[in-house]
Amino acid sequence: MNKAELPKAVRVFLNGKDLERKQRDAMLLSTVTSEDFPHVAMISAGELIAISSSRVKLLVWKNTTSSKNMIQNHKATVTLVVEGKAYYIKFLLKKEAPVLSGYELFTGEVAAVKEDYAKYAVLTSGIQFQLHDSKEVLSRWKQSIEAVLSTEKTDSYF
C-alpha cells in the first residue's frame, strides 16, 4: 500500500454512525503552536468523520488554539484507542468552506498511522467523558455529521 490508510477498526469508529455507543469516547487532537510547542485538545466522534480509508473531515471550534494551529501549519495528529489498541494518526489538512456556524472544517489526508499495543496487555479504554446533556449533544453531533457529509460529492464511504 503506497499511501497510508486508516485501519478498519478506526474507520468503523469514525464512520459517523452509532454515536450513542461512542458518546463517552474522547480522542486527542495534537497540533503545534506558532512558538513550536505541542498543543493537545479533546475531540469526539461527532467531530471527526472518516470519508474514505485515507481521508477524514474534521470539525473544530472556530478561533481555538487548535483551529488556529491547523490553519497555520496544515497538520495534526489524532490519538485514539479502539479495540484494545492505541492509534496515532498524522493528517495533512486543508481548510474547507465552513458548513456550520462557530466551526472550522478541515479535510485531512492520512499521512501516517502508528498502531501501538503491548503483547502482554490490552488497553481497556482511552480517555472518556460523561456528557451533561447527551440528548442535546448527540443531536448536535448528528446534525454536524450530516452537514459535513453533505459537502461530499459522492456517497459516503460506509
N, C-alpha and C. Protein backbone atom coordinates (compact mmCIF):
# COMPACT_ATOMS: atom_id res chain seq x y z
N MET A 1 0.85 -1.16 0.00
CA MET A 1 0.00 0.00 0.00
C MET A 1 0.90 1.23 0.00
N ASN A 2 0.76 2.05 -1.03
CA ASN A 2 1.60 3.23 -1.19
C ASN A 2 1.23 4.36 -0.24
N LYS A 3 -0.05 4.55 -0.03
CA LYS A 3 -0.44 5.66 0.82
C LYS A 3 -0.99 5.12 2.13
N ALA A 4 -0.84 5.91 3.17
CA ALA A 4 -1.29 5.49 4.49
C ALA A 4 -2.81 5.40 4.52
N GLU A 5 -3.30 4.41 5.22
CA GLU A 5 -4.74 4.20 5.32
C GLU A 5 -5.13 3.98 6.77
N LEU A 6 -6.37 4.36 7.07
CA LEU A 6 -6.92 4.11 8.40
C LEU A 6 -7.20 2.62 8.55
N PRO A 7 -6.81 2.01 9.65
CA PRO A 7 -7.17 0.61 9.89
C PRO A 7 -8.69 0.47 9.94
N LYS A 8 -9.19 -0.71 9.63
CA LYS A 8 -10.63 -0.94 9.58
C LYS A 8 -11.32 -0.56 10.89
N ALA A 9 -10.74 -0.93 12.03
CA ALA A 9 -11.37 -0.62 13.33
C ALA A 9 -11.51 0.89 13.52
N VAL A 10 -10.54 1.65 13.04
CA VAL A 10 -10.59 3.11 13.15
C VAL A 10 -11.65 3.66 12.20
N ARG A 11 -11.70 3.16 10.97
CA ARG A 11 -12.72 3.61 10.01
C ARG A 11 -14.13 3.38 10.56
N VAL A 12 -14.34 2.22 11.17
CA VAL A 12 -15.66 1.93 11.73
C VAL A 12 -15.97 2.87 12.89
N PHE A 13 -14.98 3.13 13.75
CA PHE A 13 -15.21 4.04 14.86
C PHE A 13 -15.53 5.46 14.36
N LEU A 14 -14.92 5.86 13.26
CA LEU A 14 -15.09 7.22 12.74
C LEU A 14 -16.11 7.31 11.61
N ASN A 15 -17.02 6.34 11.53
CA ASN A 15 -17.97 6.32 10.41
C ASN A 15 -19.16 7.26 10.56
N GLY A 16 -19.27 7.98 11.68
CA GLY A 16 -20.36 8.91 11.88
C GLY A 16 -21.66 8.27 12.30
N LYS A 17 -21.63 6.99 12.61
CA LYS A 17 -22.83 6.25 12.99
C LYS A 17 -22.71 5.74 14.42
N ASP A 18 -23.83 5.29 14.97
CA ASP A 18 -23.85 4.66 16.30
C ASP A 18 -23.22 5.56 17.37
N LEU A 19 -23.57 6.85 17.31
CA LEU A 19 -22.97 7.82 18.22
C LEU A 19 -23.32 7.58 19.68
N GLU A 20 -24.48 6.99 19.92
CA GLU A 20 -24.86 6.70 21.30
C GLU A 20 -23.81 5.82 21.98
N ARG A 21 -23.30 4.84 21.27
CA ARG A 21 -22.29 3.93 21.82
C ARG A 21 -20.94 4.63 21.98
N LYS A 22 -20.68 5.66 21.17
CA LYS A 22 -19.38 6.33 21.15
C LYS A 22 -19.37 7.63 21.96
N GLN A 23 -20.48 7.95 22.60
CA GLN A 23 -20.61 9.27 23.24
C GLN A 23 -19.64 9.52 24.39
N ARG A 24 -19.05 8.51 24.96
CA ARG A 24 -18.12 8.70 26.08
C ARG A 24 -16.66 8.71 25.65
N ASP A 25 -16.38 8.39 24.41
CA ASP A 25 -15.01 8.24 23.95
C ASP A 25 -14.44 9.56 23.42
N ALA A 26 -13.34 9.99 24.00
CA ALA A 26 -12.64 11.18 23.54
C ALA A 26 -11.38 10.78 22.80
N MET A 27 -10.99 11.61 21.86
CA MET A 27 -9.73 11.44 21.13
C MET A 27 -8.88 12.67 21.41
N LEU A 28 -7.58 12.52 21.31
CA LEU A 28 -6.68 13.66 21.50
C LEU A 28 -6.28 14.20 20.13
N LEU A 29 -6.44 15.50 19.97
CA LEU A 29 -6.03 16.21 18.76
C LEU A 29 -4.80 17.02 19.11
N SER A 30 -3.68 16.67 18.50
CA SER A 30 -2.41 17.36 18.78
C SER A 30 -2.03 18.23 17.59
N THR A 31 -1.69 19.48 17.90
CA THR A 31 -1.21 20.42 16.90
C THR A 31 0.04 21.09 17.45
N VAL A 32 0.63 21.97 16.66
CA VAL A 32 1.84 22.68 17.08
C VAL A 32 1.57 24.17 16.98
N THR A 33 1.91 24.91 18.05
CA THR A 33 1.68 26.35 18.08
C THR A 33 2.72 27.09 17.24
N SER A 34 2.50 28.37 17.04
CA SER A 34 3.46 29.20 16.31
C SER A 34 4.78 29.32 17.06
N GLU A 35 4.77 29.02 18.37
CA GLU A 35 6.00 29.01 19.17
C GLU A 35 6.65 27.62 19.19
N ASP A 36 6.14 26.72 18.37
CA ASP A 36 6.66 25.35 18.24
C ASP A 36 6.44 24.49 19.47
N PHE A 37 5.41 24.80 20.26
CA PHE A 37 5.05 23.96 21.39
C PHE A 37 3.89 23.05 21.00
N PRO A 38 3.86 21.82 21.52
CA PRO A 38 2.70 20.96 21.27
C PRO A 38 1.47 21.52 21.97
N HIS A 39 0.34 21.33 21.35
CA HIS A 39 -0.95 21.72 21.94
C HIS A 39 -1.88 20.53 21.79
N VAL A 40 -2.56 20.15 22.86
CA VAL A 40 -3.46 18.99 22.83
C VAL A 40 -4.86 19.45 23.21
N ALA A 41 -5.85 18.95 22.48
CA ALA A 41 -7.26 19.21 22.77
C ALA A 41 -8.01 17.89 22.62
N MET A 42 -9.20 17.84 23.18
CA MET A 42 -10.02 16.64 23.03
C MET A 42 -11.09 16.87 21.97
N ILE A 43 -11.34 15.83 21.18
CA ILE A 43 -12.42 15.85 20.19
C ILE A 43 -13.24 14.57 20.36
N SER A 44 -14.39 14.54 19.70
CA SER A 44 -15.32 13.42 19.85
C SER A 44 -15.63 12.78 18.51
N ALA A 45 -16.39 11.71 18.58
CA ALA A 45 -16.84 11.03 17.37
C ALA A 45 -17.81 11.91 16.56
N GLY A 46 -18.29 12.98 17.15
CA GLY A 46 -19.14 13.93 16.43
C GLY A 46 -18.36 14.98 15.67
N GLU A 47 -17.03 14.94 15.78
CA GLU A 47 -16.21 15.97 15.15
C GLU A 47 -15.19 15.43 14.15
N LEU A 48 -14.99 14.14 14.11
CA LEU A 48 -14.03 13.53 13.19
C LEU A 48 -14.74 12.40 12.46
N ILE A 49 -14.84 12.51 11.13
CA ILE A 49 -15.60 11.55 10.34
C ILE A 49 -14.72 11.00 9.22
N ALA A 50 -14.60 9.68 9.14
CA ALA A 50 -13.86 9.06 8.04
C ALA A 50 -14.71 9.12 6.78
N ILE A 51 -14.14 9.66 5.73
CA ILE A 51 -14.82 9.76 4.43
C ILE A 51 -14.40 8.61 3.53
N SER A 52 -13.17 8.16 3.70
CA SER A 52 -12.64 7.02 2.96
C SER A 52 -11.55 6.39 3.81
N SER A 53 -10.84 5.44 3.26
CA SER A 53 -9.78 4.79 4.03
C SER A 53 -8.57 5.71 4.24
N SER A 54 -8.51 6.82 3.50
CA SER A 54 -7.35 7.70 3.63
C SER A 54 -7.73 9.17 3.82
N ARG A 55 -9.01 9.44 4.07
CA ARG A 55 -9.44 10.84 4.17
C ARG A 55 -10.50 11.00 5.26
N VAL A 56 -10.41 12.10 6.00
CA VAL A 56 -11.38 12.42 7.05
C VAL A 56 -11.85 13.86 6.90
N LYS A 57 -12.94 14.16 7.57
CA LYS A 57 -13.41 15.53 7.76
C LYS A 57 -13.33 15.80 9.24
N LEU A 58 -12.83 16.97 9.61
CA LEU A 58 -12.62 17.35 11.00
C LEU A 58 -13.27 18.70 11.25
N LEU A 59 -14.17 18.73 12.22
CA LEU A 59 -14.81 19.97 12.67
C LEU A 59 -14.16 20.38 13.99
N VAL A 60 -13.73 21.63 14.10
CA VAL A 60 -13.22 22.14 15.37
C VAL A 60 -13.83 23.51 15.61
N TRP A 61 -13.95 23.85 16.88
CA TRP A 61 -14.50 25.15 17.22
C TRP A 61 -13.64 26.26 16.61
N LYS A 62 -14.28 27.26 16.07
CA LYS A 62 -13.62 28.41 15.46
C LYS A 62 -12.85 29.19 16.53
N ASN A 63 -11.74 29.78 16.13
CA ASN A 63 -10.92 30.66 16.98
C ASN A 63 -10.32 29.97 18.19
N THR A 64 -10.18 28.66 18.14
CA THR A 64 -9.49 27.95 19.21
C THR A 64 -8.01 27.84 18.86
N THR A 65 -7.21 27.49 19.85
CA THR A 65 -5.78 27.28 19.58
C THR A 65 -5.60 26.20 18.53
N SER A 66 -6.37 25.12 18.63
CA SER A 66 -6.25 24.03 17.65
C SER A 66 -6.57 24.51 16.24
N SER A 67 -7.69 25.21 16.07
CA SER A 67 -8.06 25.65 14.72
C SER A 67 -7.03 26.62 14.16
N LYS A 68 -6.53 27.53 15.00
CA LYS A 68 -5.51 28.48 14.53
C LYS A 68 -4.23 27.74 14.12
N ASN A 69 -3.83 26.75 14.91
CA ASN A 69 -2.63 25.98 14.57
C ASN A 69 -2.80 25.24 13.25
N MET A 70 -3.95 24.63 13.04
CA MET A 70 -4.17 23.86 11.82
C MET A 70 -4.27 24.76 10.60
N ILE A 71 -4.84 25.94 10.76
CA ILE A 71 -4.89 26.90 9.65
C ILE A 71 -3.47 27.34 9.31
N GLN A 72 -2.64 27.51 10.32
CA GLN A 72 -1.27 27.99 10.12
C GLN A 72 -0.35 26.94 9.49
N ASN A 73 -0.41 25.67 10.00
CA ASN A 73 0.59 24.71 9.50
C ASN A 73 0.01 23.48 8.81
N HIS A 74 -1.30 23.36 8.73
CA HIS A 74 -1.96 22.30 7.94
C HIS A 74 -1.62 20.89 8.39
N LYS A 75 -1.35 20.71 9.69
CA LYS A 75 -1.01 19.38 10.20
C LYS A 75 -1.66 19.15 11.55
N ALA A 76 -1.94 17.87 11.84
CA ALA A 76 -2.44 17.47 13.16
C ALA A 76 -2.22 15.98 13.32
N THR A 77 -2.19 15.56 14.58
CA THR A 77 -2.14 14.15 14.91
C THR A 77 -3.32 13.84 15.82
N VAL A 78 -4.00 12.75 15.55
CA VAL A 78 -5.11 12.31 16.39
C VAL A 78 -4.69 11.01 17.06
N THR A 79 -4.93 10.92 18.37
CA THR A 79 -4.65 9.71 19.14
C THR A 79 -5.98 9.17 19.64
N LEU A 80 -6.23 7.89 19.39
CA LEU A 80 -7.45 7.26 19.87
C LEU A 80 -7.18 5.81 20.23
N VAL A 81 -8.05 5.27 21.08
CA VAL A 81 -7.98 3.87 21.47
C VAL A 81 -9.21 3.17 20.92
N VAL A 82 -8.97 2.12 20.14
CA VAL A 82 -10.05 1.34 19.55
C VAL A 82 -9.68 -0.14 19.65
N GLU A 83 -10.61 -0.94 20.13
CA GLU A 83 -10.44 -2.39 20.20
C GLU A 83 -9.12 -2.81 20.83
N GLY A 84 -8.77 -2.15 21.94
CA GLY A 84 -7.60 -2.56 22.71
C GLY A 84 -6.26 -2.07 22.20
N LYS A 85 -6.27 -1.20 21.19
CA LYS A 85 -5.02 -0.67 20.65
C LYS A 85 -5.09 0.84 20.57
N ALA A 86 -3.93 1.49 20.72
CA ALA A 86 -3.84 2.94 20.53
C ALA A 86 -3.40 3.19 19.09
N TYR A 87 -3.95 4.23 18.50
CA TYR A 87 -3.58 4.63 17.15
C TYR A 87 -3.17 6.09 17.17
N TYR A 88 -2.06 6.39 16.53
CA TYR A 88 -1.58 7.76 16.37
C TYR A 88 -1.62 8.03 14.86
N ILE A 89 -2.47 8.94 14.46
CA ILE A 89 -2.70 9.17 13.04
C ILE A 89 -2.33 10.60 12.68
N LYS A 90 -1.37 10.74 11.79
CA LYS A 90 -0.93 12.05 11.32
C LYS A 90 -1.73 12.43 10.08
N PHE A 91 -2.20 13.69 10.07
CA PHE A 91 -3.00 14.19 8.95
C PHE A 91 -2.37 15.43 8.35
N LEU A 92 -2.43 15.52 7.03
CA LEU A 92 -2.15 16.76 6.31
C LEU A 92 -3.52 17.38 6.04
N LEU A 93 -3.70 18.63 6.40
CA LEU A 93 -5.03 19.25 6.43
C LEU A 93 -5.20 20.34 5.39
N LYS A 94 -6.43 20.45 4.93
CA LYS A 94 -6.82 21.55 4.04
C LYS A 94 -8.08 22.17 4.64
N LYS A 95 -8.06 23.48 4.84
CA LYS A 95 -9.23 24.18 5.38
C LYS A 95 -10.29 24.25 4.28
N GLU A 96 -11.51 23.95 4.67
CA GLU A 96 -12.64 23.97 3.73
C GLU A 96 -13.58 25.13 4.07
N ALA A 97 -14.53 25.37 3.19
CA ALA A 97 -15.55 26.38 3.48
C ALA A 97 -16.36 25.90 4.67
N PRO A 98 -16.72 26.81 5.57
CA PRO A 98 -17.48 26.40 6.75
C PRO A 98 -18.85 25.84 6.37
N VAL A 99 -19.31 24.85 7.13
CA VAL A 99 -20.64 24.28 6.91
C VAL A 99 -21.55 24.54 8.10
N LEU A 100 -20.96 24.91 9.23
CA LEU A 100 -21.73 25.20 10.45
C LEU A 100 -21.16 26.44 11.13
N SER A 101 -22.03 27.26 11.61
CA SER A 101 -21.62 28.46 12.33
C SER A 101 -20.83 28.07 13.58
N GLY A 102 -19.73 28.77 13.81
CA GLY A 102 -18.93 28.53 15.00
C GLY A 102 -17.87 27.47 14.85
N TYR A 103 -17.80 26.82 13.70
CA TYR A 103 -16.83 25.74 13.47
C TYR A 103 -15.94 26.05 12.28
N GLU A 104 -14.75 25.48 12.29
CA GLU A 104 -13.89 25.40 11.11
C GLU A 104 -13.96 23.96 10.62
N LEU A 105 -13.94 23.78 9.32
CA LEU A 105 -13.98 22.45 8.71
C LEU A 105 -12.68 22.21 7.96
N PHE A 106 -12.10 21.04 8.18
CA PHE A 106 -10.87 20.64 7.51
C PHE A 106 -11.07 19.28 6.86
N THR A 107 -10.42 19.08 5.72
CA THR A 107 -10.28 17.75 5.15
C THR A 107 -8.87 17.29 5.48
N GLY A 108 -8.76 16.07 5.99
CA GLY A 108 -7.46 15.52 6.35
C GLY A 108 -7.11 14.31 5.52
N GLU A 109 -5.93 14.34 4.96
CA GLU A 109 -5.39 13.18 4.26
C GLU A 109 -4.46 12.45 5.22
N VAL A 110 -4.61 11.15 5.33
CA VAL A 110 -3.79 10.37 6.25
C VAL A 110 -2.35 10.35 5.74
N ALA A 111 -1.43 10.84 6.56
CA ALA A 111 -0.01 10.86 6.20
C ALA A 111 0.73 9.66 6.78
N ALA A 112 0.31 9.23 7.99
CA ALA A 112 0.96 8.10 8.64
C ALA A 112 0.05 7.58 9.75
N VAL A 113 0.16 6.27 10.00
CA VAL A 113 -0.60 5.63 11.08
C VAL A 113 0.35 4.76 11.86
N LYS A 114 0.34 4.92 13.18
CA LYS A 114 1.11 4.03 14.05
C LYS A 114 0.12 3.31 14.96
N GLU A 115 0.21 2.00 14.98
CA GLU A 115 -0.60 1.16 15.86
C GLU A 115 0.26 0.79 17.05
N ASP A 116 -0.25 1.00 18.26
CA ASP A 116 0.55 0.79 19.46
C ASP A 116 -0.19 -0.15 20.41
N TYR A 117 0.48 -1.23 20.79
CA TYR A 117 -0.10 -2.19 21.73
C TYR A 117 1.03 -2.99 22.36
N ALA A 118 0.72 -3.62 23.46
CA ALA A 118 1.70 -4.48 24.14
C ALA A 118 1.24 -5.93 24.01
N LYS A 119 2.16 -6.83 23.80
CA LYS A 119 1.83 -8.25 23.69
C LYS A 119 1.32 -8.82 25.00
N TYR A 120 1.67 -8.18 26.11
CA TYR A 120 1.33 -8.70 27.43
C TYR A 120 0.11 -8.01 28.06
N ALA A 121 -0.52 -7.07 27.34
CA ALA A 121 -1.65 -6.34 27.93
C ALA A 121 -2.55 -5.80 26.82
N VAL A 122 -3.74 -5.40 27.22
CA VAL A 122 -4.67 -4.79 26.26
C VAL A 122 -5.16 -3.48 26.87
N LEU A 123 -5.26 -2.45 26.05
CA LEU A 123 -5.84 -1.19 26.52
C LEU A 123 -7.34 -1.40 26.68
N THR A 124 -7.83 -1.07 27.84
CA THR A 124 -9.27 -1.28 28.10
C THR A 124 -10.09 -0.04 27.83
N SER A 125 -9.44 1.11 27.76
CA SER A 125 -10.16 2.34 27.41
C SER A 125 -9.16 3.42 27.07
N GLY A 126 -9.67 4.43 26.41
CA GLY A 126 -8.90 5.64 26.20
C GLY A 126 -9.45 6.68 27.16
N ILE A 127 -9.34 7.93 26.80
CA ILE A 127 -9.92 8.99 27.60
C ILE A 127 -11.43 8.96 27.40
N GLN A 128 -12.17 9.04 28.50
CA GLN A 128 -13.63 9.02 28.41
C GLN A 128 -14.22 10.18 29.18
N PHE A 129 -15.43 10.59 28.79
CA PHE A 129 -16.13 11.66 29.47
C PHE A 129 -17.60 11.33 29.55
N GLN A 130 -18.31 12.06 30.41
CA GLN A 130 -19.76 11.90 30.58
C GLN A 130 -20.41 13.18 30.11
N LEU A 131 -21.27 13.10 29.10
CA LEU A 131 -21.97 14.29 28.60
C LEU A 131 -22.99 14.77 29.62
N HIS A 132 -23.09 16.08 29.80
CA HIS A 132 -24.08 16.65 30.72
C HIS A 132 -25.49 16.46 30.18
N ASP A 133 -25.65 16.63 28.87
CA ASP A 133 -26.97 16.50 28.23
C ASP A 133 -26.78 15.69 26.95
N SER A 134 -26.77 14.37 27.11
CA SER A 134 -26.45 13.51 25.97
C SER A 134 -27.45 13.67 24.82
N LYS A 135 -28.71 13.88 25.13
CA LYS A 135 -29.72 14.04 24.06
C LYS A 135 -29.37 15.25 23.19
N GLU A 136 -29.06 16.37 23.83
CA GLU A 136 -28.74 17.59 23.09
C GLU A 136 -27.43 17.43 22.31
N VAL A 137 -26.41 16.90 22.95
CA VAL A 137 -25.10 16.76 22.30
C VAL A 137 -25.17 15.76 21.15
N LEU A 138 -25.79 14.62 21.36
CA LEU A 138 -25.90 13.63 20.28
C LEU A 138 -26.67 14.20 19.10
N SER A 139 -27.70 14.97 19.37
CA SER A 139 -28.45 15.63 18.30
C SER A 139 -27.55 16.59 17.53
N ARG A 140 -26.75 17.38 18.25
CA ARG A 140 -25.82 18.32 17.60
C ARG A 140 -24.78 17.56 16.77
N TRP A 141 -24.24 16.47 17.33
CA TRP A 141 -23.26 15.68 16.57
C TRP A 141 -23.87 15.14 15.28
N LYS A 142 -25.09 14.63 15.36
CA LYS A 142 -25.74 14.09 14.16
C LYS A 142 -25.94 15.17 13.13
N GLN A 143 -26.36 16.36 13.54
CA GLN A 143 -26.52 17.48 12.61
C GLN A 143 -25.18 17.89 12.01
N SER A 144 -24.14 17.91 12.83
CA SER A 144 -22.80 18.25 12.35
C SER A 144 -22.34 17.25 11.29
N ILE A 145 -22.52 15.99 11.58
CA ILE A 145 -22.09 14.94 10.65
C ILE A 145 -22.87 15.04 9.34
N GLU A 146 -24.18 15.25 9.42
CA GLU A 146 -24.98 15.42 8.21
C GLU A 146 -24.50 16.61 7.40
N ALA A 147 -24.18 17.73 8.07
CA ALA A 147 -23.69 18.92 7.36
C ALA A 147 -22.36 18.64 6.68
N VAL A 148 -21.46 17.96 7.38
CA VAL A 148 -20.15 17.63 6.81
C VAL A 148 -20.31 16.68 5.63
N LEU A 149 -21.10 15.64 5.80
CA LEU A 149 -21.27 14.66 4.72
C LEU A 149 -21.98 15.26 3.51
N SER A 150 -22.79 16.29 3.71
CA SER A 150 -23.48 16.93 2.58
C SER A 150 -22.49 17.64 1.65
N THR A 151 -21.25 17.87 2.13
CA THR A 151 -20.24 18.52 1.29
C THR A 151 -19.59 17.53 0.33
N GLU A 152 -19.81 16.24 0.56
CA GLU A 152 -19.20 15.22 -0.29
C GLU A 152 -20.01 15.05 -1.57
N LYS A 153 -19.32 14.93 -2.68
CA LYS A 153 -20.00 14.79 -3.97
C LYS A 153 -20.43 13.36 -4.27
N THR A 154 -19.83 12.41 -3.57
CA THR A 154 -20.19 11.01 -3.79
C THR A 154 -20.83 10.45 -2.54
N ASP A 155 -21.35 9.24 -2.64
CA ASP A 155 -21.95 8.59 -1.49
C ASP A 155 -20.90 8.38 -0.42
N SER A 156 -21.37 8.28 0.81
CA SER A 156 -20.48 8.03 1.93
C SER A 156 -19.69 6.75 1.70
N TYR A 157 -18.49 6.71 2.23
CA TYR A 157 -17.61 5.55 2.10
C TYR A 157 -18.21 4.33 2.77
N PHE A 158 -19.07 4.55 3.78
CA PHE A 158 -19.59 3.44 4.55
C PHE A 158 -20.98 3.13 4.14
